[in-house]
């Protein structure tokens, strides 16, 4: 990128460069309502615009008129003496579909530990995972499957036919890997560390239960 262009972008984006005459009452109201995401009383909105409630109401009417454009997905809703920005009802199904999509995984230490064992030992059974960890791993495995990081690969041809677990393509993307062969090598010492941490975790739980 040209150095002069880059400097201009940086300067134009700096808060100190924003001119006060660019701040409008409608823009202020929009920013407040969008940020809070809940109904705000007219008196409170008037206090942030520095205008009277009646003047602020007229500004809100201008804002509402702007959202009547078919290309806008939001609308200004009036609730008695309060106002709130909300989504137009025709986009409800779209929002539901987005809400159904899995959230970004929030992995605790226990879940990460379980995921590491599955990644390195796959295909692996729950019993084998628990043998390494020293504790039950149902919750961690269920979480990993919920996030789409782990899946069932089949069943082991043994007594009880236990489920075999392995990682998914989502796991590879999440970790930035091309394949499981790209995983760093895990030493026996690391496996022992997993077991030691799990035992310490179980001991803490026992203390709490007692």
N, C-alpha and C. Protein backbone atom coordinates (compact mmCIF):
# COMPACT_ATOMS: atom_id res chain seq x y z
N UNK A 1 0.85 -1.19 0.00
CA UNK A 1 0.00 0.00 0.00
C UNK A 1 0.88 1.23 0.00
N UNK A 2 0.48 2.28 -0.80
CA UNK A 2 1.23 3.51 -0.85
C UNK A 2 1.28 4.14 0.54
N UNK A 3 2.48 4.64 0.94
CA UNK A 3 2.67 5.16 2.30
C UNK A 3 1.76 6.33 2.58
N UNK A 4 1.59 7.23 1.60
CA UNK A 4 0.74 8.40 1.80
C UNK A 4 -0.72 8.01 1.98
N UNK A 5 -1.16 6.99 1.20
CA UNK A 5 -2.53 6.52 1.33
C UNK A 5 -2.75 5.89 2.69
N UNK A 6 -1.74 5.10 3.14
CA UNK A 6 -1.85 4.44 4.44
C UNK A 6 -1.95 5.47 5.56
N UNK A 7 -1.13 6.54 5.48
CA UNK A 7 -1.17 7.58 6.51
C UNK A 7 -2.53 8.26 6.53
N UNK A 8 -3.09 8.48 5.31
CA UNK A 8 -4.39 9.13 5.23
C UNK A 8 -5.47 8.29 5.88
N UNK A 9 -5.42 6.97 5.65
CA UNK A 9 -6.40 6.07 6.25
C UNK A 9 -6.31 6.12 7.77
N UNK A 10 -5.08 6.07 8.28
CA UNK A 10 -4.87 6.09 9.73
C UNK A 10 -5.37 7.40 10.32
N UNK A 11 -5.04 8.52 9.68
CA UNK A 11 -5.44 9.82 10.19
C UNK A 11 -6.94 10.03 10.11
N UNK A 12 -7.53 9.57 8.99
CA UNK A 12 -8.97 9.72 8.83
C UNK A 12 -9.74 8.91 9.86
N UNK A 13 -9.12 7.79 10.30
CA UNK A 13 -9.81 6.92 11.25
C UNK A 13 -9.56 7.29 12.69
N UNK A 14 -8.69 8.26 12.96
CA UNK A 14 -8.36 8.64 14.33
C UNK A 14 -9.50 9.42 14.95
N UNK A 15 -9.92 9.09 16.21
CA UNK A 15 -11.03 9.78 16.86
C UNK A 15 -10.82 11.28 16.93
N UNK A 16 -9.57 11.71 17.11
CA UNK A 16 -9.30 13.13 17.26
C UNK A 16 -9.52 13.92 15.99
N UNK A 17 -9.65 13.23 14.84
CA UNK A 17 -9.80 13.91 13.58
C UNK A 17 -11.27 14.13 13.21
N UNK A 18 -12.19 13.55 13.99
CA UNK A 18 -13.61 13.68 13.68
C UNK A 18 -14.08 15.09 14.01
N UNK A 19 -14.69 15.76 13.04
CA UNK A 19 -15.18 17.11 13.25
C UNK A 19 -16.53 17.07 13.94
N UNK A 20 -16.73 17.98 14.88
CA UNK A 20 -17.96 18.00 15.67
C UNK A 20 -19.19 18.26 14.82
N UNK A 21 -19.01 18.97 13.68
CA UNK A 21 -20.18 19.26 12.85
C UNK A 21 -20.66 18.03 12.09
N UNK A 22 -19.89 16.93 12.17
CA UNK A 22 -20.30 15.68 11.55
C UNK A 22 -21.22 14.88 12.47
N UNK A 23 -21.30 15.27 13.74
CA UNK A 23 -22.15 14.58 14.70
C UNK A 23 -23.55 15.18 14.64
N UNK A 24 -24.52 14.37 14.26
CA UNK A 24 -25.90 14.84 14.14
C UNK A 24 -26.76 14.27 15.26
N UNK A 25 -27.88 14.92 15.58
CA UNK A 25 -28.78 14.38 16.61
C UNK A 25 -29.28 12.98 16.24
N UNK A 26 -29.61 12.80 14.95
CA UNK A 26 -30.09 11.48 14.51
C UNK A 26 -29.01 10.42 14.67
N UNK A 27 -27.77 10.80 14.31
CA UNK A 27 -26.65 9.86 14.45
C UNK A 27 -26.40 9.51 15.90
N UNK A 28 -26.53 10.50 16.78
CA UNK A 28 -26.35 10.27 18.22
C UNK A 28 -27.40 9.31 18.75
N UNK A 29 -28.65 9.56 18.37
CA UNK A 29 -29.74 8.70 18.81
C UNK A 29 -29.55 7.27 18.30
N UNK A 30 -29.15 7.15 17.04
CA UNK A 30 -28.92 5.83 16.45
C UNK A 30 -27.83 5.08 17.18
N UNK A 31 -26.73 5.79 17.49
CA UNK A 31 -25.60 5.17 18.19
C UNK A 31 -26.00 4.69 19.58
N UNK A 32 -26.76 5.53 20.29
CA UNK A 32 -27.18 5.17 21.66
C UNK A 32 -28.12 3.97 21.65
N UNK A 33 -29.12 4.02 20.78
CA UNK A 33 -30.10 2.93 20.72
C UNK A 33 -29.47 1.63 20.26
N UNK A 34 -28.54 1.71 19.30
CA UNK A 34 -27.87 0.51 18.81
C UNK A 34 -26.99 -0.10 19.90
N UNK A 35 -26.27 0.75 20.63
CA UNK A 35 -25.34 0.26 21.65
C UNK A 35 -26.06 -0.37 22.83
N UNK A 36 -27.16 0.25 23.27
CA UNK A 36 -27.88 -0.26 24.43
C UNK A 36 -28.73 -1.48 24.09
N UNK A 37 -29.33 -1.49 22.89
CA UNK A 37 -30.11 -2.65 22.47
C UNK A 37 -31.35 -2.90 23.29
N UNK A 38 -31.86 -1.88 23.95
CA UNK A 38 -33.06 -2.01 24.77
C UNK A 38 -33.84 -0.70 24.71
N UNK A 39 -35.09 -0.69 25.18
CA UNK A 39 -35.88 0.55 25.15
C UNK A 39 -35.23 1.65 25.98
N UNK A 40 -35.21 2.87 25.44
CA UNK A 40 -34.64 4.02 26.15
C UNK A 40 -35.69 5.11 26.19
N UNK A 41 -35.89 5.69 27.36
CA UNK A 41 -36.92 6.72 27.52
C UNK A 41 -36.56 7.98 26.75
N UNK A 42 -37.60 8.66 26.28
CA UNK A 42 -37.43 9.87 25.48
C UNK A 42 -36.63 10.92 26.26
N UNK A 43 -36.90 11.07 27.56
CA UNK A 43 -36.19 12.07 28.37
C UNK A 43 -34.69 11.79 28.40
N UNK A 44 -34.34 10.51 28.49
CA UNK A 44 -32.92 10.15 28.53
C UNK A 44 -32.27 10.42 27.18
N UNK A 45 -32.98 10.14 26.11
CA UNK A 45 -32.46 10.40 24.77
C UNK A 45 -32.29 11.89 24.55
N UNK A 46 -33.24 12.67 25.08
CA UNK A 46 -33.15 14.13 24.95
C UNK A 46 -31.93 14.67 25.67
N UNK A 47 -31.60 14.06 26.80
CA UNK A 47 -30.45 14.54 27.58
C UNK A 47 -29.14 14.32 26.85
N UNK A 48 -29.04 13.26 26.04
CA UNK A 48 -27.78 13.00 25.34
C UNK A 48 -27.68 13.81 24.04
N UNK A 49 -28.82 14.26 23.51
CA UNK A 49 -28.78 15.08 22.29
C UNK A 49 -28.66 16.56 22.62
N UNK A 50 -29.00 16.92 23.86
CA UNK A 50 -28.96 18.33 24.25
C UNK A 50 -30.14 19.11 23.72
N UNK A 51 -31.18 18.40 23.30
CA UNK A 51 -32.38 19.04 22.78
C UNK A 51 -33.56 18.77 23.69
N UNK A 52 -34.66 19.44 23.44
CA UNK A 52 -35.87 19.23 24.23
C UNK A 52 -36.48 17.89 23.84
N UNK A 53 -37.33 17.32 24.69
CA UNK A 53 -37.99 16.06 24.35
C UNK A 53 -38.75 16.14 23.02
N UNK A 54 -39.42 17.28 22.78
CA UNK A 54 -40.18 17.42 21.54
C UNK A 54 -39.26 17.45 20.33
N UNK A 55 -38.13 18.17 20.44
CA UNK A 55 -37.17 18.21 19.35
C UNK A 55 -36.56 16.83 19.11
N UNK A 56 -36.30 16.12 20.21
CA UNK A 56 -35.72 14.78 20.11
C UNK A 56 -36.71 13.82 19.46
N UNK A 57 -38.01 14.00 19.78
CA UNK A 57 -39.04 13.15 19.18
C UNK A 57 -39.07 13.33 17.67
N UNK A 58 -38.92 14.55 17.21
CA UNK A 58 -38.91 14.82 15.78
C UNK A 58 -37.69 14.19 15.10
N UNK A 59 -36.56 14.21 15.81
CA UNK A 59 -35.35 13.57 15.28
C UNK A 59 -35.56 12.06 15.17
N UNK A 60 -36.25 11.49 16.15
CA UNK A 60 -36.54 10.06 16.12
C UNK A 60 -37.48 9.71 14.98
N UNK A 61 -38.41 10.62 14.67
CA UNK A 61 -39.32 10.39 13.55
C UNK A 61 -38.55 10.37 12.23
N UNK A 62 -37.54 11.26 12.11
CA UNK A 62 -36.69 11.27 10.92
C UNK A 62 -35.93 9.95 10.81
N UNK A 63 -35.44 9.48 11.96
CA UNK A 63 -34.70 8.22 11.99
C UNK A 63 -35.60 7.06 11.58
N UNK A 64 -36.83 7.07 12.10
CA UNK A 64 -37.79 6.01 11.78
C UNK A 64 -38.12 6.02 10.28
N UNK A 65 -38.22 7.20 9.71
CA UNK A 65 -38.53 7.33 8.28
C UNK A 65 -37.39 6.75 7.44
N UNK A 66 -36.17 6.94 7.90
CA UNK A 66 -35.01 6.41 7.18
C UNK A 66 -35.06 4.88 7.14
N UNK A 67 -35.51 4.26 8.21
CA UNK A 67 -35.55 2.80 8.29
C UNK A 67 -36.72 2.20 7.50
N UNK A 68 -37.63 3.05 7.02
CA UNK A 68 -38.75 2.54 6.23
C UNK A 68 -38.31 2.11 4.84
N UNK A 69 -37.08 2.48 4.48
CA UNK A 69 -36.53 2.05 3.20
C UNK A 69 -36.49 0.51 3.17
N UNK A 70 -37.00 -0.11 2.10
CA UNK A 70 -37.03 -1.59 2.01
C UNK A 70 -35.65 -2.24 2.15
N UNK A 71 -34.59 -1.48 1.85
CA UNK A 71 -33.25 -2.05 1.94
C UNK A 71 -32.74 -2.14 3.37
N UNK A 72 -33.47 -1.53 4.31
CA UNK A 72 -33.06 -1.56 5.72
C UNK A 72 -33.65 -2.78 6.42
N UNK A 73 -32.84 -3.43 7.25
CA UNK A 73 -33.30 -4.61 7.97
C UNK A 73 -33.76 -4.30 9.39
N UNK A 74 -33.65 -3.04 9.80
CA UNK A 74 -34.05 -2.67 11.16
C UNK A 74 -35.14 -1.60 11.13
N UNK A 75 -35.76 -1.39 12.26
CA UNK A 75 -36.82 -0.40 12.39
C UNK A 75 -36.74 0.23 13.78
N UNK A 76 -37.35 1.38 13.92
CA UNK A 76 -37.39 2.06 15.21
C UNK A 76 -38.76 1.81 15.82
N UNK A 77 -38.77 1.17 16.97
CA UNK A 77 -40.01 0.80 17.63
C UNK A 77 -40.28 1.76 18.79
N UNK A 78 -41.51 2.25 18.85
CA UNK A 78 -41.90 3.12 19.95
C UNK A 78 -42.70 2.33 20.96
N UNK A 79 -42.29 2.38 22.22
CA UNK A 79 -42.98 1.68 23.30
C UNK A 79 -43.38 2.71 24.35
N UNK A 80 -44.62 3.23 24.23
CA UNK A 80 -45.10 4.31 25.09
C UNK A 80 -44.13 5.50 25.01
N UNK A 81 -43.39 5.78 26.07
CA UNK A 81 -42.48 6.93 26.06
C UNK A 81 -41.03 6.53 25.80
N UNK A 82 -40.82 5.28 25.34
CA UNK A 82 -39.47 4.79 25.06
C UNK A 82 -39.34 4.38 23.60
N UNK A 83 -38.08 4.28 23.17
CA UNK A 83 -37.78 3.89 21.80
C UNK A 83 -36.70 2.81 21.79
N UNK A 84 -36.79 1.93 20.78
CA UNK A 84 -35.83 0.83 20.68
C UNK A 84 -35.62 0.45 19.22
N UNK A 85 -34.35 0.17 18.88
CA UNK A 85 -34.03 -0.34 17.57
C UNK A 85 -34.25 -1.85 17.57
N UNK A 86 -34.92 -2.37 16.56
CA UNK A 86 -35.15 -3.81 16.50
C UNK A 86 -35.16 -4.26 15.04
N UNK A 87 -35.14 -5.56 14.85
CA UNK A 87 -35.13 -6.14 13.50
C UNK A 87 -36.54 -6.18 12.94
N UNK A 88 -36.67 -5.93 11.63
CA UNK A 88 -37.96 -6.04 10.98
C UNK A 88 -38.43 -7.49 11.00
N UNK A 89 -39.73 -7.70 11.16
CA UNK A 89 -40.27 -9.04 11.36
C UNK A 89 -40.00 -9.99 10.18
N UNK A 90 -39.85 -9.44 8.97
CA UNK A 90 -39.62 -10.31 7.82
C UNK A 90 -38.25 -10.99 7.85
N UNK A 91 -37.37 -10.52 8.75
CA UNK A 91 -36.06 -11.14 8.85
C UNK A 91 -35.95 -12.10 10.04
N UNK A 92 -37.08 -12.37 10.66
CA UNK A 92 -37.09 -13.22 11.86
C UNK A 92 -36.52 -14.61 11.57
N UNK A 93 -36.96 -15.22 10.45
CA UNK A 93 -36.50 -16.58 10.13
C UNK A 93 -34.99 -16.61 9.91
N UNK A 94 -34.46 -15.55 9.34
CA UNK A 94 -33.01 -15.47 9.13
C UNK A 94 -32.28 -15.45 10.46
N UNK A 95 -32.80 -14.69 11.41
CA UNK A 95 -32.18 -14.61 12.73
C UNK A 95 -32.24 -15.95 13.45
N UNK A 96 -33.36 -16.64 13.30
CA UNK A 96 -33.50 -17.96 13.92
C UNK A 96 -32.47 -18.92 13.37
N UNK A 97 -32.26 -18.87 12.05
CA UNK A 97 -31.29 -19.75 11.40
C UNK A 97 -29.88 -19.47 11.90
N UNK A 98 -29.55 -18.18 12.06
CA UNK A 98 -28.23 -17.80 12.58
C UNK A 98 -28.06 -18.28 14.01
N UNK A 99 -29.13 -18.14 14.81
CA UNK A 99 -29.06 -18.56 16.22
C UNK A 99 -28.86 -20.05 16.36
N UNK A 100 -29.33 -20.81 15.37
CA UNK A 100 -29.20 -22.27 15.43
C UNK A 100 -27.77 -22.73 15.14
N UNK A 101 -27.00 -21.89 14.49
CA UNK A 101 -25.64 -22.27 14.13
C UNK A 101 -24.77 -22.36 15.37
N UNK A 102 -23.85 -23.33 15.41
CA UNK A 102 -23.01 -23.51 16.59
C UNK A 102 -22.21 -22.25 16.91
N UNK A 103 -22.11 -21.96 18.18
CA UNK A 103 -21.30 -20.81 18.59
C UNK A 103 -19.82 -21.15 18.50
N UNK A 104 -19.02 -20.13 18.53
CA UNK A 104 -17.59 -20.34 18.51
C UNK A 104 -17.22 -21.12 19.78
N UNK A 105 -16.48 -22.21 19.63
CA UNK A 105 -16.14 -23.03 20.80
C UNK A 105 -15.44 -22.25 21.90
N UNK A 106 -15.92 -22.45 23.13
CA UNK A 106 -15.24 -21.92 24.30
C UNK A 106 -14.67 -23.12 25.04
N UNK A 107 -13.39 -23.36 24.87
CA UNK A 107 -12.78 -24.58 25.37
C UNK A 107 -12.09 -24.36 26.72
N UNK A 108 -12.56 -25.10 27.72
CA UNK A 108 -11.92 -25.06 29.03
C UNK A 108 -10.67 -25.94 28.99
N UNK A 109 -9.88 -25.88 30.04
CA UNK A 109 -8.66 -26.70 30.11
C UNK A 109 -8.99 -28.18 30.01
N UNK A 110 -10.08 -28.60 30.67
CA UNK A 110 -10.47 -30.00 30.66
C UNK A 110 -10.85 -30.44 29.25
N UNK A 111 -11.61 -29.59 28.55
CA UNK A 111 -12.05 -29.92 27.19
C UNK A 111 -10.85 -29.94 26.24
N UNK A 112 -9.95 -28.99 26.39
CA UNK A 112 -8.75 -28.95 25.55
C UNK A 112 -7.90 -30.19 25.77
N UNK A 113 -7.79 -30.60 27.03
CA UNK A 113 -7.02 -31.80 27.37
C UNK A 113 -7.62 -33.04 26.69
N UNK A 114 -8.95 -33.15 26.76
CA UNK A 114 -9.63 -34.28 26.13
C UNK A 114 -9.48 -34.24 24.61
N UNK A 115 -9.59 -33.06 24.05
CA UNK A 115 -9.44 -32.89 22.60
C UNK A 115 -8.03 -33.28 22.16
N UNK A 116 -7.04 -32.93 22.95
CA UNK A 116 -5.66 -33.27 22.61
C UNK A 116 -5.46 -34.78 22.57
N UNK A 117 -6.03 -35.47 23.55
CA UNK A 117 -5.90 -36.93 23.61
C UNK A 117 -6.57 -37.57 22.39
N UNK A 118 -7.76 -37.09 22.05
CA UNK A 118 -8.48 -37.64 20.89
C UNK A 118 -7.69 -37.38 19.62
N UNK A 119 -7.15 -36.17 19.50
CA UNK A 119 -6.41 -35.80 18.29
C UNK A 119 -5.19 -36.69 18.08
N UNK A 120 -4.48 -36.99 19.17
CA UNK A 120 -3.25 -37.77 19.05
C UNK A 120 -3.49 -39.28 19.05
N UNK A 121 -4.57 -39.72 19.69
CA UNK A 121 -4.79 -41.16 19.83
C UNK A 121 -5.86 -41.72 18.90
N UNK A 122 -6.52 -40.87 18.12
CA UNK A 122 -7.63 -41.33 17.27
C UNK A 122 -7.21 -42.43 16.28
N UNK A 123 -8.15 -43.36 16.02
CA UNK A 123 -9.46 -43.51 16.66
C UNK A 123 -9.29 -44.03 18.09
N UNK A 124 -10.06 -43.46 19.01
CA UNK A 124 -9.89 -43.80 20.42
C UNK A 124 -11.26 -43.91 21.09
N UNK A 125 -11.37 -44.81 22.05
CA UNK A 125 -12.63 -44.99 22.77
C UNK A 125 -12.67 -44.10 24.01
N UNK A 126 -13.86 -43.94 24.56
CA UNK A 126 -14.02 -43.15 25.77
C UNK A 126 -13.23 -43.77 26.91
N UNK A 127 -13.22 -45.10 26.98
CA UNK A 127 -12.49 -45.79 28.04
C UNK A 127 -10.99 -45.50 27.97
N UNK A 128 -10.47 -45.45 26.75
CA UNK A 128 -9.04 -45.16 26.58
C UNK A 128 -8.73 -43.72 26.97
N UNK A 129 -9.65 -42.81 26.65
CA UNK A 129 -9.47 -41.40 27.02
C UNK A 129 -9.44 -41.28 28.54
N UNK A 130 -10.40 -41.95 29.18
CA UNK A 130 -10.50 -41.88 30.63
C UNK A 130 -9.34 -42.57 31.32
N UNK A 131 -8.77 -43.57 30.66
CA UNK A 131 -7.60 -44.25 31.22
C UNK A 131 -6.41 -43.30 31.27
N UNK A 132 -6.28 -42.48 30.24
CA UNK A 132 -5.18 -41.51 30.19
C UNK A 132 -5.44 -40.37 31.17
N UNK A 133 -6.69 -39.85 31.20
CA UNK A 133 -7.03 -38.72 32.06
C UNK A 133 -7.18 -39.14 33.51
N UNK A 134 -7.66 -40.36 33.74
CA UNK A 134 -7.86 -40.81 35.11
C UNK A 134 -9.20 -40.41 35.68
N UNK A 135 -10.03 -39.75 34.87
CA UNK A 135 -11.36 -39.31 35.33
C UNK A 135 -12.37 -39.50 34.21
N UNK A 136 -13.66 -39.41 34.56
CA UNK A 136 -14.73 -39.50 33.57
C UNK A 136 -14.61 -38.35 32.57
N UNK A 137 -14.94 -38.63 31.31
CA UNK A 137 -14.78 -37.61 30.27
C UNK A 137 -16.04 -37.40 29.44
N UNK A 138 -17.17 -37.86 29.95
CA UNK A 138 -18.42 -37.75 29.20
C UNK A 138 -18.75 -36.31 28.83
N UNK A 139 -18.66 -35.41 29.82
CA UNK A 139 -19.02 -34.01 29.59
C UNK A 139 -18.11 -33.38 28.54
N UNK A 140 -16.81 -33.62 28.66
CA UNK A 140 -15.85 -33.03 27.73
C UNK A 140 -16.09 -33.54 26.31
N UNK A 141 -16.33 -34.83 26.17
CA UNK A 141 -16.57 -35.41 24.84
C UNK A 141 -17.86 -34.86 24.23
N UNK A 142 -18.90 -34.75 25.07
CA UNK A 142 -20.17 -34.21 24.58
C UNK A 142 -20.01 -32.77 24.10
N UNK A 143 -19.23 -31.98 24.82
CA UNK A 143 -18.98 -30.60 24.43
C UNK A 143 -18.25 -30.53 23.10
N UNK A 144 -17.25 -31.38 22.94
CA UNK A 144 -16.47 -31.40 21.70
C UNK A 144 -17.32 -31.79 20.51
N UNK A 145 -18.26 -32.71 20.73
CA UNK A 145 -19.16 -33.13 19.66
C UNK A 145 -20.17 -32.02 19.36
N UNK A 146 -20.60 -31.32 20.40
CA UNK A 146 -21.53 -30.20 20.22
C UNK A 146 -20.89 -29.10 19.38
N UNK A 147 -19.61 -28.86 19.60
CA UNK A 147 -18.88 -27.83 18.84
C UNK A 147 -18.46 -28.32 17.45
N UNK A 148 -18.67 -29.61 17.18
CA UNK A 148 -18.31 -30.15 15.87
C UNK A 148 -16.83 -30.41 15.72
N UNK A 149 -16.08 -30.45 16.81
CA UNK A 149 -14.63 -30.69 16.76
C UNK A 149 -14.30 -32.17 16.77
N UNK A 150 -15.25 -32.97 17.29
CA UNK A 150 -15.05 -34.41 17.41
C UNK A 150 -16.29 -35.12 16.88
N UNK A 151 -16.08 -36.31 16.30
CA UNK A 151 -17.20 -37.08 15.78
C UNK A 151 -16.98 -38.56 16.04
N UNK A 152 -18.05 -39.36 15.86
CA UNK A 152 -17.95 -40.81 15.99
C UNK A 152 -17.41 -41.37 14.68
N UNK A 153 -16.41 -42.21 14.79
CA UNK A 153 -15.80 -42.81 13.61
C UNK A 153 -16.29 -44.22 13.33
N UNK A 154 -17.03 -44.75 14.28
CA UNK A 154 -17.49 -46.13 14.15
C UNK A 154 -17.44 -46.81 15.50
N UNK A 155 -17.35 -48.13 15.49
CA UNK A 155 -17.28 -48.88 16.75
C UNK A 155 -16.13 -49.88 16.71
N UNK A 156 -15.52 -50.06 17.86
CA UNK A 156 -14.41 -51.00 17.98
C UNK A 156 -14.95 -52.42 17.98
N UNK A 157 -14.29 -53.28 17.23
CA UNK A 157 -14.71 -54.68 17.17
C UNK A 157 -14.20 -55.40 18.41
N UNK A 158 -14.89 -55.14 19.52
CA UNK A 158 -14.51 -55.73 20.81
C UNK A 158 -15.77 -55.83 21.67
N UNK A 159 -15.62 -56.39 22.86
CA UNK A 159 -16.77 -56.56 23.75
C UNK A 159 -17.45 -55.21 24.00
N UNK A 160 -18.78 -55.20 23.82
CA UNK A 160 -19.53 -53.98 24.05
C UNK A 160 -19.52 -53.03 22.87
N UNK A 161 -18.63 -53.32 21.88
CA UNK A 161 -18.49 -52.47 20.69
C UNK A 161 -18.50 -50.98 21.03
N UNK A 162 -17.51 -50.52 21.81
CA UNK A 162 -17.45 -49.11 22.21
C UNK A 162 -17.25 -48.18 21.01
N UNK A 163 -17.75 -46.97 21.14
CA UNK A 163 -17.65 -45.97 20.06
C UNK A 163 -16.21 -45.48 19.94
N UNK A 164 -15.79 -45.31 18.70
CA UNK A 164 -14.47 -44.74 18.41
C UNK A 164 -14.64 -43.27 18.06
N UNK A 165 -13.81 -42.42 18.66
CA UNK A 165 -13.90 -40.99 18.42
C UNK A 165 -12.67 -40.48 17.66
N UNK A 166 -12.90 -39.44 16.87
CA UNK A 166 -11.81 -38.81 16.14
C UNK A 166 -12.15 -37.35 15.87
N UNK A 167 -11.20 -36.60 15.37
CA UNK A 167 -11.42 -35.18 15.10
C UNK A 167 -12.07 -34.97 13.74
N UNK A 168 -12.57 -33.77 13.51
CA UNK A 168 -13.28 -33.43 12.28
C UNK A 168 -12.51 -32.40 11.47
N UNK A 169 -13.06 -32.07 10.29
CA UNK A 169 -12.47 -31.01 9.48
C UNK A 169 -12.58 -29.67 10.17
N UNK A 170 -13.63 -29.51 10.99
CA UNK A 170 -13.80 -28.27 11.76
C UNK A 170 -12.62 -28.10 12.71
N UNK A 171 -12.19 -29.21 13.31
CA UNK A 171 -11.03 -29.18 14.20
C UNK A 171 -9.79 -28.70 13.45
N UNK A 172 -9.59 -29.23 12.25
CA UNK A 172 -8.42 -28.85 11.46
C UNK A 172 -8.44 -27.36 11.14
N UNK A 173 -9.62 -26.84 10.75
CA UNK A 173 -9.73 -25.42 10.45
C UNK A 173 -9.52 -24.58 11.70
N UNK A 174 -10.07 -25.05 12.82
CA UNK A 174 -9.95 -24.33 14.09
C UNK A 174 -8.49 -24.24 14.52
N UNK A 175 -7.73 -25.30 14.26
CA UNK A 175 -6.33 -25.35 14.66
C UNK A 175 -5.39 -24.84 13.56
N UNK A 176 -5.94 -24.57 12.38
CA UNK A 176 -5.12 -24.09 11.28
C UNK A 176 -4.20 -25.16 10.72
N UNK A 177 -4.70 -26.41 10.64
CA UNK A 177 -3.90 -27.54 10.17
C UNK A 177 -4.43 -28.06 8.84
N UNK A 178 -3.54 -28.65 8.05
CA UNK A 178 -3.94 -29.28 6.80
C UNK A 178 -4.45 -30.69 7.04
N UNK A 179 -3.85 -31.38 8.02
CA UNK A 179 -4.24 -32.74 8.37
C UNK A 179 -3.75 -33.03 9.78
N UNK A 180 -4.19 -34.15 10.33
CA UNK A 180 -3.75 -34.52 11.68
C UNK A 180 -2.27 -34.87 11.71
N UNK A 181 -1.72 -35.16 10.55
CA UNK A 181 -0.29 -35.46 10.47
C UNK A 181 0.55 -34.22 10.76
N UNK A 182 -0.08 -33.04 10.68
CA UNK A 182 0.63 -31.79 10.94
C UNK A 182 0.68 -31.46 12.43
N UNK A 183 0.03 -32.28 13.25
CA UNK A 183 0.06 -32.04 14.70
C UNK A 183 1.48 -32.17 15.25
N UNK A 184 1.86 -31.31 16.18
CA UNK A 184 3.18 -31.47 16.83
C UNK A 184 3.22 -32.79 17.57
N UNK A 185 4.36 -33.41 17.64
CA UNK A 185 4.47 -34.69 18.31
C UNK A 185 4.31 -34.53 19.81
N UNK A 186 3.56 -35.44 20.44
CA UNK A 186 3.35 -35.41 21.88
C UNK A 186 4.18 -36.50 22.54
N UNK A 187 4.93 -36.12 23.53
CA UNK A 187 5.81 -37.07 24.20
C UNK A 187 5.07 -37.83 25.29
N UNK A 188 5.71 -38.88 25.77
CA UNK A 188 5.14 -39.67 26.88
C UNK A 188 5.02 -38.80 28.13
N UNK A 189 5.94 -37.87 28.27
CA UNK A 189 5.92 -36.96 29.43
C UNK A 189 4.64 -36.14 29.43
N UNK A 190 4.23 -35.67 28.25
CA UNK A 190 3.00 -34.89 28.16
C UNK A 190 1.79 -35.72 28.54
N UNK A 191 1.78 -37.00 28.16
CA UNK A 191 0.68 -37.88 28.55
C UNK A 191 0.63 -38.02 30.06
N UNK A 192 1.80 -38.14 30.68
CA UNK A 192 1.86 -38.25 32.14
C UNK A 192 1.38 -36.96 32.79
N UNK A 193 1.67 -35.83 32.15
CA UNK A 193 1.20 -34.55 32.67
C UNK A 193 -0.32 -34.50 32.63
N UNK A 194 -0.92 -35.00 31.54
CA UNK A 194 -2.37 -35.05 31.44
C UNK A 194 -2.95 -35.84 32.62
N UNK A 195 -2.33 -37.01 32.87
CA UNK A 195 -2.84 -37.88 33.93
C UNK A 195 -2.70 -37.20 35.30
N UNK A 196 -1.56 -36.54 35.52
CA UNK A 196 -1.31 -35.87 36.81
C UNK A 196 -2.30 -34.74 37.04
N UNK A 197 -2.57 -33.96 35.98
CA UNK A 197 -3.53 -32.86 36.10
C UNK A 197 -4.93 -33.38 36.38
N UNK A 198 -5.28 -34.49 35.74
CA UNK A 198 -6.60 -35.07 35.94
C UNK A 198 -6.75 -35.60 37.36
N UNK A 199 -5.71 -36.22 37.87
CA UNK A 199 -5.75 -36.74 39.24
C UNK A 199 -5.89 -35.60 40.24
N UNK A 200 -5.18 -34.51 39.97
CA UNK A 200 -5.26 -33.35 40.86
C UNK A 200 -6.67 -32.77 40.84
N UNK A 201 -7.27 -32.75 39.64
CA UNK A 201 -8.64 -32.25 39.48
C UNK A 201 -9.61 -33.12 40.26
N UNK A 202 -9.44 -34.46 40.18
CA UNK A 202 -10.32 -35.37 40.90
C UNK A 202 -10.17 -35.22 42.41
N UNK A 203 -8.94 -35.02 42.87
CA UNK A 203 -8.70 -34.84 44.30
C UNK A 203 -9.40 -33.59 44.82
N UNK A 204 -9.39 -32.54 44.01
CA UNK A 204 -10.06 -31.30 44.40
C UNK A 204 -11.56 -31.52 44.52
N UNK A 205 -12.12 -32.29 43.56
CA UNK A 205 -13.54 -32.58 43.59
C UNK A 205 -13.91 -33.38 44.82
N UNK A 206 -13.06 -34.33 45.17
CA UNK A 206 -13.32 -35.18 46.36
C UNK A 206 -13.34 -34.32 47.61
N UNK A 207 -12.40 -33.35 47.70
CA UNK A 207 -12.34 -32.46 48.86
C UNK A 207 -13.61 -31.65 48.99
N UNK A 208 -14.13 -31.17 47.83
CA UNK A 208 -15.36 -30.38 47.83
C UNK A 208 -16.55 -31.22 48.26
N UNK A 209 -16.61 -32.46 47.76
CA UNK A 209 -17.72 -33.35 48.10
C UNK A 209 -17.72 -33.70 49.57
N UNK A 210 -16.51 -33.86 50.13
CA UNK A 210 -16.40 -34.20 51.56
C UNK A 210 -16.81 -33.02 52.42
